[in-house]
Amino acid sequence: MFIKIKDRTDSSEPLTIPGIDDGDWLINLPLPANSDDRPGLRVGNRRENIPEWLRRLAQPGLSFEALTQPMGREPKISAETAAGSLLFDDWQTIANICGHSINDFVAANASLPLTGAEIDHFRRNHRGTENHISRDFLANRTDLPSPLAELYGLYLYRSRVDAEAALFVAQTTGSTRVARTMADLLAIGGFANGLEYITYLGLTYSVPAAFDTSDVIDQANHEAARRLALPYDHPGHLLKLSHDEISALASYIAEQHSMTAADFLEKANLLAESRQDVTRLPPEKHFTTAIIERDLPIKQLWVTRLCGAYARIFEGWVAGVPEIEAVISIDMVKM
């Protein structure tokens, strides 16, 4: 585009360009980014103005070519690209929850189960003030000695918080995927992080077992799915529940489906001792060895749930193990 500008300077030797009137000269400027006269402005029915503005405003070296391409579904992110990538923090968060390092995910050819944003969305979707106040009350509801009462009280507290988070996330997203995957990661963490334990009267109890609320989250997901399937004008539809109603529903679910003190302590003890017994082995053999050697009783419901979690997150590690394959189909139907 050429813009004709009148020379208004009072120079004694006026600027002249051959073929142009004296006192007038042309400046070659790029067309504005929002000009309809730009060549190649449209690709199909899409306008390219915005990418052009971004390109001009961006620092040299940045490219916005991807913004001009059609949007498509991205494949799941492999763990092999985790180190040094923008998703490294996401992978680190996953590793902290489930107890398996990024290298373990690489060896298992596993993909990223959840993003850091999804995990943060689950963790923050609860009304924690009331639950913090009631935690001490929950710990004192049993006649257990102090360290075991604290551990069981933490489990009851996390059960209520996570049930509430599962319901809130299902209400805001219309899906139970995030909560279901979080339940898998927490179940795996109860075993893989079993080396973090407390000791009482010569017995060890896994502390991460208190954070394994997968059984309660599953019940909350079932309730959320049932309510989402109701007619939209039904008063019990999940989208019609207030915050107070969801909190009351979460408390009821946690009260009805949380493990008893005796069952929880047995689980925490088995997780800690079975994890200690397989420390000598490589990570991919930890869980399968504990199952094969019957350190974890396969007939227990929480062990069946744990097998299903490993099958979904670390499928390559448990494939071909008869003891696990015998119960995976049952767990899949329940999920």
Protein backbone atom coordinates (compact mmCIF):
# COMPACT_ATOMS: atom_id res chain seq x y z
CA MET A 1 0.00 0.00 0.00
CA PHE A 2 1.30 3.47 -0.84
CA ILE A 3 0.35 6.55 1.17
CA LYS A 4 0.79 9.93 -0.43
CA ILE A 5 2.09 12.53 1.99
CA LYS A 6 2.42 16.24 1.35
CA ASP A 7 5.85 17.60 2.20
CA ARG A 8 5.30 20.59 4.50
CA THR A 9 8.92 21.23 5.44
CA ASP A 10 10.34 24.66 4.68
CA SER A 11 13.61 23.41 3.25
CA SER A 12 15.44 25.62 0.83
CA GLU A 13 16.03 22.56 -1.36
CA PRO A 14 12.72 20.73 -1.57
CA LEU A 15 12.72 16.90 -1.89
CA THR A 16 11.91 15.77 -5.43
CA ILE A 17 11.39 12.24 -6.76
CA PRO A 18 11.31 11.63 -10.50
CA GLY A 19 7.81 11.04 -11.81
CA ILE A 20 6.13 12.58 -8.75
CA ASP A 21 4.92 16.14 -8.29
CA ASP A 22 7.30 18.39 -6.41
CA GLY A 23 6.58 18.45 -2.71
CA ASP A 24 4.78 15.10 -2.77
CA TRP A 25 6.44 11.75 -1.97
CA LEU A 26 5.31 8.17 -1.32
CA ILE A 27 5.94 5.93 1.67
CA ASN A 28 5.57 2.16 1.29
CA LEU A 29 3.84 0.85 4.45
CA PRO A 30 2.51 -2.64 5.21
CA LEU A 31 -1.24 -3.07 5.09
CA PRO A 32 -3.02 -3.03 8.46
CA ALA A 33 -3.62 -6.45 9.98
CA ASN A 34 -7.39 -5.90 9.84
CA SER A 35 -7.43 -4.83 6.19
CA ASP A 36 -9.71 -6.81 3.90
CA ASP A 37 -7.30 -6.16 1.00
CA ARG A 38 -4.53 -8.36 2.41
CA PRO A 39 -3.67 -11.25 0.07
CA GLY A 40 -4.40 -14.71 1.48
CA LEU A 41 -6.57 -13.23 4.21
CA ARG A 42 -9.01 -16.13 4.25
CA VAL A 43 -8.31 -19.84 4.58
CA GLY A 44 -11.63 -21.53 3.89
CA ASN A 45 -14.06 -19.52 6.02
CA ARG A 46 -11.53 -18.49 8.67
CA ARG A 47 -10.07 -15.02 8.90
CA GLU A 48 -6.34 -14.62 9.59
CA ASN A 49 -6.46 -11.17 11.21
CA ILE A 50 -5.88 -12.29 14.79
CA PRO A 51 -2.80 -14.45 14.07
CA GLU A 52 -1.38 -11.54 12.08
CA TRP A 53 -1.88 -9.15 15.01
CA LEU A 54 -0.25 -11.63 17.37
CA ARG A 55 2.69 -12.08 15.02
CA ARG A 56 3.34 -8.35 14.88
CA LEU A 57 3.02 -7.84 18.63
CA ALA A 58 5.06 -10.89 19.64
CA GLN A 59 8.75 -10.99 20.34
CA PRO A 60 10.98 -11.99 17.42
CA GLY A 61 11.27 -15.74 17.09
CA LEU A 62 7.77 -16.66 18.25
CA SER A 63 5.48 -18.40 15.79
CA PHE A 64 1.70 -18.44 15.73
CA GLU A 65 1.33 -20.65 12.68
CA ALA A 66 -0.45 -23.30 14.78
CA LEU A 67 -3.31 -20.86 15.35
CA THR A 68 -4.09 -20.86 11.64
CA GLN A 69 -4.45 -24.65 11.49
CA PRO A 70 -7.66 -26.62 12.16
CA MET A 71 -8.07 -27.73 15.75
CA GLY A 72 -7.78 -31.46 16.35
CA ARG A 73 -7.79 -33.82 19.31
CA GLU A 74 -4.29 -34.34 20.67
CA PRO A 75 -3.08 -37.84 21.58
CA LYS A 76 -2.31 -38.63 25.19
CA ILE A 77 1.05 -37.31 26.32
CA SER A 78 3.70 -39.99 26.72
CA ALA A 79 5.87 -39.99 29.81
CA GLU A 80 8.98 -40.14 27.62
CA THR A 81 8.54 -36.45 26.76
CA ALA A 82 7.96 -35.37 30.37
CA ALA A 83 11.48 -34.25 31.29
CA GLY A 84 12.09 -30.68 30.19
CA SER A 85 8.57 -30.23 28.81
CA LEU A 86 5.86 -27.81 29.88
CA LEU A 87 4.03 -30.76 31.48
CA PHE A 88 6.87 -31.71 33.82
CA ASP A 89 5.05 -30.24 36.83
CA ASP A 90 1.97 -32.29 35.92
CA TRP A 91 4.02 -35.47 35.82
CA GLN A 92 5.66 -34.61 39.13
CA THR A 93 2.27 -34.12 40.76
CA ILE A 94 1.10 -37.50 39.45
CA ALA A 95 4.27 -39.14 40.78
CA ASN A 96 3.76 -37.65 44.24
CA ILE A 97 0.19 -38.93 44.45
CA CYS A 98 0.64 -42.48 43.16
CA GLY A 99 4.16 -43.16 44.46
CA HIS A 100 5.66 -44.11 41.09
CA SER A 101 8.33 -41.96 39.47
CA ILE A 102 8.23 -40.54 35.97
CA ASN A 103 10.74 -43.22 34.94
CA ASP A 104 8.23 -45.86 36.05
CA PHE A 105 5.63 -44.36 33.70
CA VAL A 106 8.20 -44.37 30.89
CA ALA A 107 9.04 -48.03 31.52
CA ALA A 108 5.34 -48.94 31.55
CA ASN A 109 4.67 -46.93 28.37
CA ALA A 110 1.92 -45.16 30.30
CA SER A 111 0.28 -41.85 29.39
CA LEU A 112 -0.52 -38.85 31.56
CA PRO A 113 -3.63 -39.84 33.59
CA LEU A 114 -4.63 -36.31 34.60
CA THR A 115 -3.25 -32.82 34.11
CA GLY A 116 -2.17 -30.67 37.01
CA ALA A 117 -5.15 -28.39 36.40
CA GLU A 118 -7.57 -31.31 36.70
CA ILE A 119 -5.95 -32.49 39.92
CA ASP A 120 -6.06 -28.98 41.35
CA HIS A 121 -9.72 -28.71 40.32
CA PHE A 122 -10.50 -31.87 42.28
CA ARG A 123 -8.49 -30.86 45.34
CA ARG A 124 -10.05 -27.43 45.65
CA ASN A 125 -13.69 -28.37 45.07
CA HIS A 126 -14.78 -28.87 48.65
CA ARG A 127 -15.78 -26.70 51.56
CA GLY A 128 -12.77 -27.39 53.73
CA THR A 129 -13.48 -25.02 56.63
CA GLU A 130 -16.17 -27.15 58.22
CA ASN A 131 -14.17 -30.32 57.59
CA HIS A 132 -11.07 -28.92 59.28
CA ILE A 133 -13.14 -28.14 62.36
CA SER A 134 -14.61 -31.65 62.46
CA ARG A 135 -11.33 -33.52 61.96
CA ASP A 136 -10.45 -33.62 65.66
CA PHE A 137 -13.97 -34.77 66.43
CA LEU A 138 -13.66 -37.63 63.93
CA ALA A 139 -10.36 -38.75 65.48
CA ASN A 140 -11.96 -38.95 68.93
CA ARG A 141 -14.95 -41.07 67.89
CA THR A 142 -13.06 -44.32 68.51
CA ASP A 143 -11.31 -45.90 71.49
CA LEU A 144 -8.10 -46.45 69.53
CA PRO A 145 -4.74 -45.41 71.00
CA SER A 146 -3.49 -41.99 69.99
CA PRO A 147 -1.38 -42.70 66.85
CA LEU A 148 -3.94 -45.11 65.37
CA ALA A 149 -6.84 -42.82 66.22
CA GLU A 150 -5.09 -39.98 64.40
CA LEU A 151 -4.52 -42.18 61.35
CA TYR A 152 -8.11 -43.40 61.24
CA GLY A 153 -9.45 -39.90 61.88
CA LEU A 154 -7.41 -38.66 58.92
CA TYR A 155 -9.00 -41.34 56.74
CA LEU A 156 -12.52 -40.33 57.83
CA TYR A 157 -11.70 -36.68 57.19
CA ARG A 158 -10.28 -37.36 53.72
CA SER A 159 -13.29 -39.57 52.88
CA ARG A 160 -15.69 -36.72 53.52
CA VAL A 161 -13.55 -34.17 51.68
CA ASP A 162 -13.00 -36.36 48.62
CA ALA A 163 -16.66 -37.42 48.41
CA GLU A 164 -17.63 -33.76 48.40
CA ALA A 165 -14.98 -32.97 45.78
CA ALA A 166 -16.19 -35.80 43.54
CA LEU A 167 -19.76 -34.51 43.67
CA PHE A 168 -18.77 -30.91 43.01
CA VAL A 169 -16.53 -31.85 40.06
CA ALA A 170 -19.30 -34.03 38.58
CA GLN A 171 -21.73 -31.14 38.97
CA THR A 172 -19.45 -28.62 37.26
CA THR A 173 -18.19 -30.88 34.45
CA GLY A 174 -21.03 -33.35 34.00
CA SER A 175 -18.50 -36.19 34.10
CA THR A 176 -17.00 -38.53 36.71
CA ARG A 177 -13.74 -39.09 34.78
CA VAL A 178 -11.53 -36.82 36.89
CA ALA A 179 -12.73 -38.22 40.21
CA ARG A 180 -12.53 -41.80 38.94
CA THR A 181 -8.91 -41.35 37.82
CA MET A 182 -8.04 -39.62 41.09
CA ALA A 183 -9.45 -42.64 42.93
CA ASP A 184 -7.13 -44.91 40.90
CA LEU A 185 -4.09 -42.77 41.70
CA LEU A 186 -4.92 -42.62 45.41
CA ALA A 187 -5.43 -46.39 45.56
CA ILE A 188 -2.06 -47.00 43.90
CA GLY A 189 -0.42 -44.48 46.22
CA GLY A 190 -1.65 -46.34 49.29
CA PHE A 191 0.48 -49.30 48.24
CA ALA A 192 3.41 -47.69 46.38
CA ASN A 193 3.99 -45.13 49.16
CA GLY A 194 3.63 -47.83 51.82
CA LEU A 195 7.19 -47.29 53.04
CA GLU A 196 5.85 -44.21 54.82
CA TYR A 197 4.41 -45.83 57.92
CA ILE A 198 3.95 -45.52 61.65
CA THR A 199 4.73 -48.25 64.17
CA TYR A 200 2.61 -49.30 67.12
CA LEU A 201 3.28 -52.34 69.30
CA GLY A 202 5.61 -53.82 66.71
CA LEU A 203 3.16 -53.48 63.79
CA THR A 204 3.54 -51.04 60.92
CA TYR A 205 0.68 -49.08 59.36
CA SER A 206 0.83 -47.29 56.01
CA VAL A 207 0.18 -43.57 56.40
CA PRO A 208 -0.81 -43.09 52.71
CA ALA A 209 -3.57 -45.64 53.33
CA ALA A 210 -5.44 -42.81 55.05
CA PHE A 211 -5.47 -40.93 51.74
CA ASP A 212 -6.80 -43.90 49.78
CA THR A 213 -10.46 -42.94 49.70
CA SER A 214 -11.09 -44.68 46.38
CA ASP A 215 -14.00 -46.71 47.80
CA VAL A 216 -15.81 -43.57 48.95
CA ILE A 217 -15.03 -41.68 45.72
CA ASP A 218 -16.48 -44.59 43.74
CA GLN A 219 -19.71 -44.39 45.71
CA ALA A 220 -19.86 -40.62 45.19
CA ASN A 221 -19.34 -41.14 41.46
CA HIS A 222 -22.13 -43.71 41.31
CA GLU A 223 -24.46 -41.30 43.09
CA ALA A 224 -23.44 -38.43 40.81
CA ALA A 225 -24.00 -40.53 37.67
CA ARG A 226 -27.41 -41.65 38.95
CA ARG A 227 -28.50 -38.08 39.60
CA LEU A 228 -27.15 -36.83 36.26
CA ALA A 229 -29.29 -39.47 34.54
CA LEU A 230 -32.49 -38.10 36.09
CA PRO A 231 -34.81 -35.88 34.00
CA TYR A 232 -33.52 -32.33 33.90
CA ASP A 233 -36.56 -31.00 35.76
CA HIS A 234 -36.30 -33.55 38.58
CA PRO A 235 -35.67 -31.84 41.95
CA GLY A 236 -33.01 -34.43 42.78
CA HIS A 237 -30.95 -33.78 39.65
CA LEU A 238 -27.30 -33.13 40.48
CA LEU A 239 -27.33 -29.73 38.78
CA LYS A 240 -30.20 -28.58 41.03
CA LEU A 241 -28.40 -29.33 44.32
CA SER A 242 -27.09 -26.40 46.34
CA HIS A 243 -23.70 -26.40 48.02
CA ASP A 244 -25.25 -27.23 51.37
CA GLU A 245 -27.16 -30.14 49.86
CA ILE A 246 -24.02 -31.53 48.21
CA SER A 247 -22.12 -31.23 51.50
CA ALA A 248 -24.89 -33.11 53.31
CA LEU A 249 -24.95 -35.78 50.60
CA ALA A 250 -21.15 -36.17 50.77
CA SER A 251 -21.29 -36.55 54.56
CA TYR A 252 -23.95 -39.23 54.21
CA ILE A 253 -21.93 -41.14 51.60
CA ALA A 254 -18.77 -40.98 53.73
CA GLU A 255 -20.70 -42.09 56.82
CA GLN A 256 -22.26 -45.07 55.04
CA HIS A 257 -19.32 -46.32 53.01
CA SER A 258 -16.17 -45.54 54.99
CA MET A 259 -14.28 -48.53 56.35
CA THR A 260 -14.61 -49.46 60.00
CA ALA A 261 -11.64 -48.86 62.25
CA ALA A 262 -10.73 -52.56 62.38
CA ASP A 263 -10.92 -52.99 58.59
CA PHE A 264 -8.96 -49.82 57.95
CA LEU A 265 -6.14 -50.75 60.32
CA GLU A 266 -5.92 -54.23 58.79
CA LYS A 267 -5.65 -52.65 55.35
CA ALA A 268 -3.01 -50.12 56.47
CA ASN A 269 -0.97 -52.91 58.06
CA LEU A 270 -1.13 -55.17 55.00
CA LEU A 271 -0.17 -52.32 52.66
CA ALA A 272 2.85 -51.35 54.76
CA GLU A 273 4.16 -54.89 55.27
CA SER A 274 3.56 -56.05 51.68
CA ARG A 275 5.34 -52.96 50.34
CA GLN A 276 8.33 -53.57 52.61
CA ASP A 277 8.59 -57.19 51.45
CA VAL A 278 9.01 -56.24 47.77
CA THR A 279 11.45 -53.36 48.18
CA ARG A 280 14.29 -55.52 46.84
CA LEU A 281 12.55 -55.86 43.47
CA PRO A 282 12.30 -53.38 40.54
CA PRO A 283 9.22 -51.12 40.62
CA GLU A 284 7.37 -53.00 37.89
CA LYS A 285 7.45 -56.16 40.04
CA HIS A 286 6.30 -54.65 43.34
CA PHE A 287 2.55 -55.01 43.04
CA THR A 288 2.40 -58.22 41.01
CA THR A 289 4.78 -59.95 43.43
CA ALA A 290 2.68 -58.87 46.41
CA ILE A 291 -0.37 -60.39 44.71
CA ILE A 292 1.35 -63.60 43.60
CA GLU A 293 2.89 -64.20 47.04
CA ARG A 294 -0.50 -63.47 48.63
CA ASP A 295 0.81 -60.65 50.81
CA LEU A 296 -2.32 -58.84 49.62
CA PRO A 297 -5.46 -61.02 49.92
CA ILE A 298 -7.05 -60.93 46.49
CA LYS A 299 -10.53 -61.63 47.87
CA GLN A 300 -10.62 -58.36 49.79
CA LEU A 301 -12.69 -55.74 47.98
CA TRP A 302 -10.08 -53.03 48.37
CA VAL A 303 -7.43 -55.33 46.84
CA THR A 304 -9.73 -55.97 43.89
CA ARG A 305 -10.14 -52.21 43.55
CA LEU A 306 -6.35 -51.82 43.65
CA CYS A 307 -5.93 -54.41 40.88
CA GLY A 308 -8.33 -52.46 38.69
CA ALA A 309 -6.42 -49.23 39.34
CA TYR A 310 -3.11 -50.77 38.31
CA ALA A 311 -4.74 -52.28 35.22
CA ARG A 312 -5.95 -48.85 34.10
CA ILE A 313 -2.82 -46.82 34.91
CA PHE A 314 -0.04 -49.41 34.44
CA GLU A 315 -1.68 -51.88 32.08
CA GLY A 316 1.61 -53.30 30.81
CA TRP A 317 2.75 -54.26 34.30
CA VAL A 318 -0.20 -56.45 35.27
CA ALA A 319 -1.09 -57.94 31.90
CA GLY A 320 -0.72 -61.71 31.88
CA VAL A 321 -0.89 -62.19 35.66
CA PRO A 322 -3.66 -64.78 36.16
CA GLU A 323 -4.48 -63.74 39.72
CA ILE A 324 -5.08 -60.16 38.59
CA GLU A 325 -6.84 -60.95 35.33
CA ALA A 326 -9.31 -63.10 37.24
CA VAL A 327 -10.61 -60.09 39.18
CA ILE A 328 -10.05 -57.24 36.72
CA SER A 329 -13.18 -58.02 34.71
CA ILE A 330 -15.28 -57.92 37.90
CA ASP A 331 -13.80 -54.57 38.89
CA MET A 332 -14.28 -53.14 35.40
CA VAL A 333 -17.97 -53.98 35.51
CA LYS A 334 -18.30 -52.19 38.85
CA MET A 335 -16.59 -49.10 37.47
